Amino acid sequence: MEEIQIITPEQVKAKVEAGEKLNIIDVREEEEVALGTIPGAIHIPMGEIPFSLASFDKNKEYIFICRSGNRSGHVCYYLQEQGFNVWNMIGGMLEWTGKTI
């Protein structure tokens, strides 16, 4: 299995604060997202990802987040195999220090 690209919460926070247009996908469950997510993140629960492939563009980069980086890592491996350009935010929301909504 090919390695996936990783990004740290600090790197994502710097990009968000710099106003970069990011495609952040939060794969946590509804009740987890209700506790706070990164501004601008799109919520697609992990279990719905295989049914949401048509909403992704192979010409764009996506950053996947979850609570700890484990579920988003699995999603990244899956989507990478489908030919998508994906990044896993290691440490997840447990290590996020930026703003949440």
N, C-alpha and C. Protein backbone atom coordinates (compact mmCIF):
# COMPACT_ATOMS: atom_id res chain seq x y z
N MET A 1 0.84 -1.19 0.00
CA MET A 1 0.00 0.00 0.00
C MET A 1 0.89 1.25 0.00
N GLU A 2 0.60 2.14 -0.91
CA GLU A 2 1.40 3.36 -1.03
C GLU A 2 1.14 4.30 0.14
N GLU A 3 2.19 4.94 0.63
CA GLU A 3 2.05 5.87 1.75
C GLU A 3 1.13 7.04 1.36
N ILE A 4 0.42 7.54 2.37
CA ILE A 4 -0.42 8.71 2.13
C ILE A 4 0.32 9.96 2.58
N GLN A 5 -0.09 11.10 2.02
CA GLN A 5 0.50 12.38 2.40
C GLN A 5 -0.10 12.80 3.74
N ILE A 6 0.74 13.35 4.61
CA ILE A 6 0.24 13.82 5.90
C ILE A 6 0.51 15.31 6.05
N ILE A 7 -0.34 15.93 6.87
CA ILE A 7 -0.21 17.34 7.18
C ILE A 7 -0.52 17.48 8.67
N THR A 8 0.16 18.38 9.33
CA THR A 8 -0.06 18.56 10.77
C THR A 8 -1.18 19.57 11.02
N PRO A 9 -1.81 19.49 12.20
CA PRO A 9 -2.81 20.51 12.54
C PRO A 9 -2.23 21.93 12.47
N GLU A 10 -0.96 22.08 12.85
CA GLU A 10 -0.33 23.41 12.80
C GLU A 10 -0.24 23.92 11.36
N GLN A 11 0.09 23.02 10.42
CA GLN A 11 0.18 23.42 9.02
C GLN A 11 -1.19 23.80 8.47
N VAL A 12 -2.21 23.03 8.83
CA VAL A 12 -3.57 23.35 8.38
C VAL A 12 -4.01 24.69 8.97
N LYS A 13 -3.73 24.89 10.26
CA LYS A 13 -4.10 26.15 10.93
C LYS A 13 -3.45 27.33 10.23
N ALA A 14 -2.19 27.21 9.87
CA ALA A 14 -1.48 28.30 9.18
C ALA A 14 -2.13 28.60 7.83
N LYS A 15 -2.53 27.56 7.12
CA LYS A 15 -3.18 27.74 5.81
C LYS A 15 -4.55 28.42 5.98
N VAL A 16 -5.31 27.96 6.98
CA VAL A 16 -6.63 28.56 7.25
C VAL A 16 -6.47 30.03 7.60
N GLU A 17 -5.51 30.33 8.50
CA GLU A 17 -5.31 31.71 8.94
C GLU A 17 -4.78 32.60 7.83
N ALA A 18 -4.09 32.00 6.84
CA ALA A 18 -3.58 32.76 5.70
C ALA A 18 -4.67 32.98 4.65
N GLY A 19 -5.84 32.40 4.89
CA GLY A 19 -6.95 32.58 3.96
C GLY A 19 -6.90 31.69 2.73
N GLU A 20 -6.09 30.63 2.78
CA GLU A 20 -6.03 29.72 1.64
C GLU A 20 -7.38 29.00 1.48
N LYS A 21 -7.75 28.77 0.22
CA LYS A 21 -8.99 28.04 -0.08
C LYS A 21 -8.67 26.56 0.02
N LEU A 22 -9.15 25.93 1.09
CA LEU A 22 -8.86 24.53 1.34
C LEU A 22 -10.12 23.68 1.20
N ASN A 23 -9.93 22.45 0.81
CA ASN A 23 -11.02 21.48 0.76
C ASN A 23 -10.82 20.53 1.94
N ILE A 24 -11.42 20.91 3.08
CA ILE A 24 -11.28 20.12 4.30
C ILE A 24 -12.55 19.29 4.47
N ILE A 25 -12.36 17.99 4.64
CA ILE A 25 -13.48 17.08 4.81
C ILE A 25 -13.39 16.44 6.19
N ASP A 26 -14.43 16.64 7.00
CA ASP A 26 -14.49 16.07 8.35
C ASP A 26 -15.29 14.77 8.27
N VAL A 27 -14.62 13.64 8.58
CA VAL A 27 -15.27 12.34 8.43
C VAL A 27 -15.81 11.78 9.75
N ARG A 28 -15.87 12.61 10.77
CA ARG A 28 -16.39 12.16 12.06
C ARG A 28 -17.92 12.04 12.01
N GLU A 29 -18.47 11.47 13.06
CA GLU A 29 -19.92 11.33 13.16
C GLU A 29 -20.55 12.67 13.56
N GLU A 30 -21.86 12.78 13.31
CA GLU A 30 -22.61 14.01 13.55
C GLU A 30 -22.40 14.58 14.95
N GLU A 31 -22.47 13.71 15.97
CA GLU A 31 -22.35 14.20 17.35
C GLU A 31 -20.95 14.71 17.65
N GLU A 32 -19.93 14.19 16.97
CA GLU A 32 -18.56 14.68 17.16
C GLU A 32 -18.40 16.06 16.51
N VAL A 33 -18.93 16.20 15.30
CA VAL A 33 -18.83 17.47 14.57
C VAL A 33 -19.57 18.57 15.33
N ALA A 34 -20.65 18.21 16.00
CA ALA A 34 -21.44 19.18 16.76
C ALA A 34 -20.62 19.82 17.88
N LEU A 35 -19.55 19.14 18.32
CA LEU A 35 -18.68 19.68 19.37
C LEU A 35 -17.67 20.69 18.83
N GLY A 36 -17.60 20.82 17.51
CA GLY A 36 -16.69 21.80 16.90
C GLY A 36 -15.90 21.20 15.76
N THR A 37 -15.81 21.98 14.68
CA THR A 37 -15.02 21.57 13.52
C THR A 37 -14.28 22.78 12.98
N ILE A 38 -13.39 22.56 12.05
CA ILE A 38 -12.61 23.63 11.45
C ILE A 38 -13.52 24.46 10.55
N PRO A 39 -13.49 25.79 10.66
CA PRO A 39 -14.33 26.62 9.80
C PRO A 39 -14.12 26.29 8.32
N GLY A 40 -15.23 26.10 7.62
CA GLY A 40 -15.17 25.81 6.20
C GLY A 40 -15.11 24.33 5.87
N ALA A 41 -14.94 23.49 6.89
CA ALA A 41 -14.87 22.04 6.65
C ALA A 41 -16.24 21.52 6.21
N ILE A 42 -16.21 20.53 5.33
CA ILE A 42 -17.42 19.88 4.86
C ILE A 42 -17.53 18.56 5.62
N HIS A 43 -18.73 18.29 6.13
CA HIS A 43 -18.94 17.07 6.91
C HIS A 43 -19.47 15.95 6.01
N ILE A 44 -18.67 14.89 5.88
CA ILE A 44 -19.10 13.67 5.21
C ILE A 44 -18.65 12.52 6.10
N PRO A 45 -19.57 11.90 6.85
CA PRO A 45 -19.17 10.80 7.73
C PRO A 45 -18.42 9.71 6.97
N MET A 46 -17.46 9.08 7.65
CA MET A 46 -16.61 8.07 7.02
C MET A 46 -17.41 7.04 6.23
N GLY A 47 -18.51 6.56 6.80
CA GLY A 47 -19.30 5.53 6.15
C GLY A 47 -19.97 5.97 4.85
N GLU A 48 -20.08 7.29 4.65
CA GLU A 48 -20.72 7.80 3.44
C GLU A 48 -19.73 8.12 2.32
N ILE A 49 -18.44 8.08 2.62
CA ILE A 49 -17.42 8.42 1.63
C ILE A 49 -17.55 7.60 0.33
N PRO A 50 -17.69 6.26 0.41
CA PRO A 50 -17.77 5.49 -0.84
C PRO A 50 -18.96 5.90 -1.73
N PHE A 51 -20.02 6.44 -1.11
CA PHE A 51 -21.20 6.85 -1.86
C PHE A 51 -21.11 8.30 -2.31
N SER A 52 -20.03 8.98 -1.93
CA SER A 52 -19.87 10.41 -2.22
C SER A 52 -18.75 10.68 -3.22
N LEU A 53 -18.23 9.64 -3.87
CA LEU A 53 -17.08 9.81 -4.77
C LEU A 53 -17.34 10.83 -5.86
N ALA A 54 -18.58 10.91 -6.34
CA ALA A 54 -18.91 11.84 -7.43
C ALA A 54 -18.75 13.30 -7.01
N SER A 55 -18.74 13.56 -5.69
CA SER A 55 -18.61 14.95 -5.22
C SER A 55 -17.15 15.40 -5.14
N PHE A 56 -16.21 14.47 -5.38
CA PHE A 56 -14.79 14.81 -5.33
C PHE A 56 -14.24 15.02 -6.74
N ASP A 57 -13.25 15.89 -6.86
CA ASP A 57 -12.62 16.24 -8.13
C ASP A 57 -11.16 15.79 -8.08
N LYS A 58 -10.76 14.97 -9.04
CA LYS A 58 -9.39 14.44 -9.04
C LYS A 58 -8.34 15.52 -9.31
N ASN A 59 -8.78 16.73 -9.71
CA ASN A 59 -7.86 17.83 -9.96
C ASN A 59 -7.68 18.72 -8.73
N LYS A 60 -8.34 18.39 -7.63
CA LYS A 60 -8.24 19.19 -6.40
C LYS A 60 -7.57 18.37 -5.31
N GLU A 61 -7.05 19.09 -4.31
CA GLU A 61 -6.48 18.45 -3.13
C GLU A 61 -7.50 18.50 -2.00
N TYR A 62 -7.53 17.44 -1.21
CA TYR A 62 -8.45 17.37 -0.08
C TYR A 62 -7.68 17.02 1.18
N ILE A 63 -8.06 17.69 2.28
CA ILE A 63 -7.49 17.41 3.59
C ILE A 63 -8.59 16.74 4.40
N PHE A 64 -8.30 15.54 4.90
CA PHE A 64 -9.29 14.81 5.69
C PHE A 64 -8.95 14.87 7.16
N ILE A 65 -10.00 15.10 7.97
CA ILE A 65 -9.82 15.21 9.41
C ILE A 65 -10.82 14.30 10.14
N CYS A 66 -10.41 13.86 11.33
CA CYS A 66 -11.30 13.13 12.23
C CYS A 66 -10.85 13.48 13.65
N ARG A 67 -11.20 12.63 14.60
CA ARG A 67 -10.85 12.94 15.99
C ARG A 67 -9.35 12.82 16.23
N SER A 68 -8.74 11.71 15.75
CA SER A 68 -7.33 11.47 16.06
C SER A 68 -6.42 11.32 14.84
N GLY A 69 -7.02 11.20 13.66
CA GLY A 69 -6.24 10.97 12.45
C GLY A 69 -6.31 9.53 11.96
N ASN A 70 -6.96 8.66 12.72
CA ASN A 70 -7.05 7.25 12.36
C ASN A 70 -8.08 7.02 11.26
N ARG A 71 -9.33 7.44 11.50
CA ARG A 71 -10.38 7.26 10.48
C ARG A 71 -10.06 8.02 9.20
N SER A 72 -9.58 9.25 9.35
CA SER A 72 -9.25 10.03 8.16
C SER A 72 -8.11 9.37 7.39
N GLY A 73 -7.21 8.70 8.08
CA GLY A 73 -6.15 7.96 7.41
C GLY A 73 -6.69 6.84 6.55
N HIS A 74 -7.65 6.09 7.10
CA HIS A 74 -8.29 5.01 6.32
C HIS A 74 -8.98 5.57 5.09
N VAL A 75 -9.67 6.70 5.26
CA VAL A 75 -10.35 7.34 4.13
C VAL A 75 -9.32 7.77 3.08
N CYS A 76 -8.20 8.31 3.52
CA CYS A 76 -7.17 8.75 2.58
C CYS A 76 -6.61 7.59 1.77
N TYR A 77 -6.33 6.46 2.43
CA TYR A 77 -5.84 5.29 1.69
C TYR A 77 -6.86 4.87 0.63
N TYR A 78 -8.13 4.84 1.02
CA TYR A 78 -9.19 4.43 0.11
C TYR A 78 -9.29 5.37 -1.10
N LEU A 79 -9.33 6.68 -0.82
CA LEU A 79 -9.49 7.65 -1.90
C LEU A 79 -8.24 7.74 -2.78
N GLN A 80 -7.07 7.57 -2.17
CA GLN A 80 -5.83 7.58 -2.95
C GLN A 80 -5.85 6.43 -3.97
N GLU A 81 -6.37 5.29 -3.55
CA GLU A 81 -6.49 4.15 -4.46
C GLU A 81 -7.45 4.44 -5.61
N GLN A 82 -8.39 5.35 -5.38
CA GLN A 82 -9.35 5.74 -6.42
C GLN A 82 -8.77 6.85 -7.32
N GLY A 83 -7.55 7.31 -7.00
CA GLY A 83 -6.90 8.32 -7.83
C GLY A 83 -7.04 9.75 -7.37
N PHE A 84 -7.48 9.96 -6.13
CA PHE A 84 -7.65 11.32 -5.61
C PHE A 84 -6.39 11.80 -4.88
N ASN A 85 -6.21 13.13 -4.86
CA ASN A 85 -5.07 13.77 -4.20
C ASN A 85 -5.50 14.15 -2.79
N VAL A 86 -5.07 13.37 -1.81
CA VAL A 86 -5.57 13.53 -0.44
C VAL A 86 -4.44 13.68 0.57
N TRP A 87 -4.77 14.36 1.66
CA TRP A 87 -3.86 14.57 2.79
C TRP A 87 -4.59 14.17 4.06
N ASN A 88 -3.89 13.54 4.97
CA ASN A 88 -4.45 13.19 6.27
C ASN A 88 -3.89 14.13 7.33
N MET A 89 -4.80 14.78 8.08
CA MET A 89 -4.34 15.64 9.17
C MET A 89 -4.07 14.74 10.38
N ILE A 90 -2.77 14.47 10.60
CA ILE A 90 -2.39 13.59 11.70
C ILE A 90 -2.67 14.26 13.05
N GLY A 91 -3.06 13.46 14.01
CA GLY A 91 -3.38 14.00 15.34
C GLY A 91 -4.83 14.45 15.44
N GLY A 92 -5.45 14.71 14.30
CA GLY A 92 -6.86 15.05 14.26
C GLY A 92 -7.25 16.25 15.09
N MET A 93 -8.55 16.29 15.40
CA MET A 93 -9.09 17.42 16.17
C MET A 93 -8.58 17.42 17.61
N LEU A 94 -8.06 16.29 18.07
CA LEU A 94 -7.48 16.25 19.42
C LEU A 94 -6.30 17.22 19.52
N GLU A 95 -5.60 17.45 18.40
CA GLU A 95 -4.41 18.32 18.41
C GLU A 95 -4.68 19.67 17.75
N TRP A 96 -5.91 19.91 17.33
CA TRP A 96 -6.25 21.18 16.67
C TRP A 96 -6.30 22.30 17.70
N THR A 97 -5.58 23.39 17.43
CA THR A 97 -5.57 24.52 18.36
C THR A 97 -6.19 25.78 17.75
N GLY A 98 -6.63 25.67 16.50
CA GLY A 98 -7.23 26.81 15.82
C GLY A 98 -8.69 27.00 16.20
N LYS A 99 -9.32 27.95 15.52
CA LYS A 99 -10.74 28.23 15.74
C LYS A 99 -11.59 27.04 15.33
N THR A 100 -12.71 26.89 16.02
CA THR A 100 -13.71 25.89 15.62
C THR A 100 -15.06 26.56 15.55
N ILE A 101 -15.94 25.93 14.80
CA ILE A 101 -17.32 26.45 14.72
C ILE A 101 -18.28 25.33 15.11
